[in-house]
Amino acid sequence: MARERRKVLVGRVVSDKMDKTVVVSVERLTRHMLYAKVLRHRKRYKAHDQEKACHVGDLVRIIESRPLSKEKRWVVTDILERAEA
C-alpha cells in the first residue's frame, strides 16, 4: 500500500562519480503567474544505484525511499534511455 504513495520522478544523470550514488537533475516547467512566461526549474536529487549501471546523460526513473544517507532519499528503478557514447 505504501509503495503506491511514493513519489516517482524522471530526470537525467549529471554525475556518477560517487560509489553506488548518482546525481539526477529533474526539470519541471511552471508558468509565471503574472507574465505567463514558461519557466524551467531544475532540482538535483542524489539517488541510490545498486548495480552502478547509470552513467552521465542517462534518462532514469527514481522513486522515493527511506533515508539511505545524509542526503540520499531516492532509488533508481529504471534506465529509460542510454546516453550516446
Protein backbone atom coordinates (compact mmCIF):
# COMPACT_ATOMS: atom_id res chain seq x y z
CA MET A 1 0.00 0.00 0.00
CA ALA A 2 2.77 2.44 0.87
CA ARG A 3 4.59 1.69 -2.40
CA GLU A 4 1.79 3.32 -4.43
CA ARG A 5 2.12 6.58 -2.48
CA ARG A 6 5.82 7.02 -3.19
CA LYS A 7 6.77 9.88 -5.47
CA VAL A 8 8.22 8.96 -8.86
CA LEU A 9 10.39 11.37 -10.89
CA VAL A 10 12.17 11.22 -14.24
CA GLY A 11 15.46 13.03 -14.85
CA ARG A 12 18.96 12.99 -16.35
CA VAL A 13 22.05 11.70 -14.58
CA VAL A 14 24.50 14.60 -14.22
CA SER A 15 27.13 12.87 -12.05
CA ASP A 16 28.15 9.26 -11.40
CA LYS A 17 31.43 9.85 -9.57
CA MET A 18 30.25 8.52 -6.19
CA ASP A 19 30.12 4.86 -5.24
CA LYS A 20 26.58 3.47 -5.83
CA THR A 21 25.17 7.01 -5.96
CA VAL A 22 24.17 9.17 -8.92
CA VAL A 23 23.02 12.78 -9.05
CA VAL A 24 19.81 13.15 -11.07
CA SER A 25 18.65 16.53 -12.37
CA VAL A 26 14.85 16.77 -12.63
CA GLU A 27 13.36 19.59 -14.69
CA ARG A 28 9.81 20.90 -14.33
CA LEU A 29 8.02 23.66 -16.20
CA THR A 30 5.85 26.27 -14.49
CA ARG A 31 4.06 29.32 -15.81
CA HIS A 32 4.71 32.74 -14.26
CA MET A 33 1.53 33.92 -12.55
CA LEU A 34 1.61 37.49 -13.89
CA TYR A 35 3.61 37.38 -17.13
CA ALA A 36 2.59 33.87 -18.28
CA LYS A 37 6.17 33.06 -19.31
CA VAL A 38 7.12 29.38 -19.05
CA LEU A 39 9.95 28.93 -16.56
CA ARG A 40 12.27 25.94 -16.18
CA HIS A 41 13.06 24.80 -12.67
CA ARG A 42 15.79 22.22 -12.08
CA LYS A 43 16.41 20.31 -8.89
CA ARG A 44 19.15 17.78 -8.19
CA TYR A 45 18.50 14.58 -6.26
CA LYS A 46 21.02 12.03 -5.01
CA ALA A 47 19.78 8.53 -5.87
CA HIS A 48 21.00 5.05 -4.97
CA ASP A 49 22.27 2.96 -7.91
CA GLN A 50 22.99 -0.52 -6.53
CA GLU A 51 24.37 -2.09 -9.74
CA LYS A 52 26.36 1.04 -10.78
CA ALA A 53 24.58 0.82 -14.15
CA CYS A 54 23.85 4.54 -14.65
CA HIS A 55 26.21 6.91 -16.42
CA VAL A 56 26.19 10.64 -17.16
CA GLY A 57 23.47 11.56 -19.66
CA ASP A 58 21.18 8.59 -19.00
CA LEU A 59 17.45 9.27 -18.56
CA VAL A 60 16.33 7.48 -15.39
CA ARG A 61 13.24 6.97 -13.24
CA ILE A 62 13.75 7.43 -9.50
CA ILE A 63 11.41 6.54 -6.64
CA GLU A 64 11.22 7.95 -3.13
CA SER A 65 12.61 5.72 -0.34
CA ARG A 66 13.66 5.78 3.27
CA PRO A 67 16.77 7.86 4.09
CA LEU A 68 19.84 5.94 2.92
CA SER A 69 22.41 8.56 3.95
CA LYS A 70 22.55 12.24 4.89
CA GLU A 71 21.24 13.46 1.52
CA LYS A 72 20.18 10.28 -0.32
CA ARG A 73 16.43 9.55 -0.23
CA TRP A 74 15.78 8.23 -3.76
CA VAL A 75 16.48 4.94 -5.59
CA VAL A 76 16.98 4.44 -9.32
CA THR A 77 14.34 2.00 -10.60
CA ASP A 78 14.69 2.12 -14.41
CA ILE A 79 17.05 3.40 -17.05
CA LEU A 80 14.67 4.78 -19.67
CA GLU A 81 17.25 5.93 -22.21
CA ARG A 82 21.01 5.47 -22.53
CA ALA A 83 23.31 8.38 -23.31
CA GLU A 84 25.06 8.37 -26.69
CA ALA A 85 28.66 7.27 -26.30
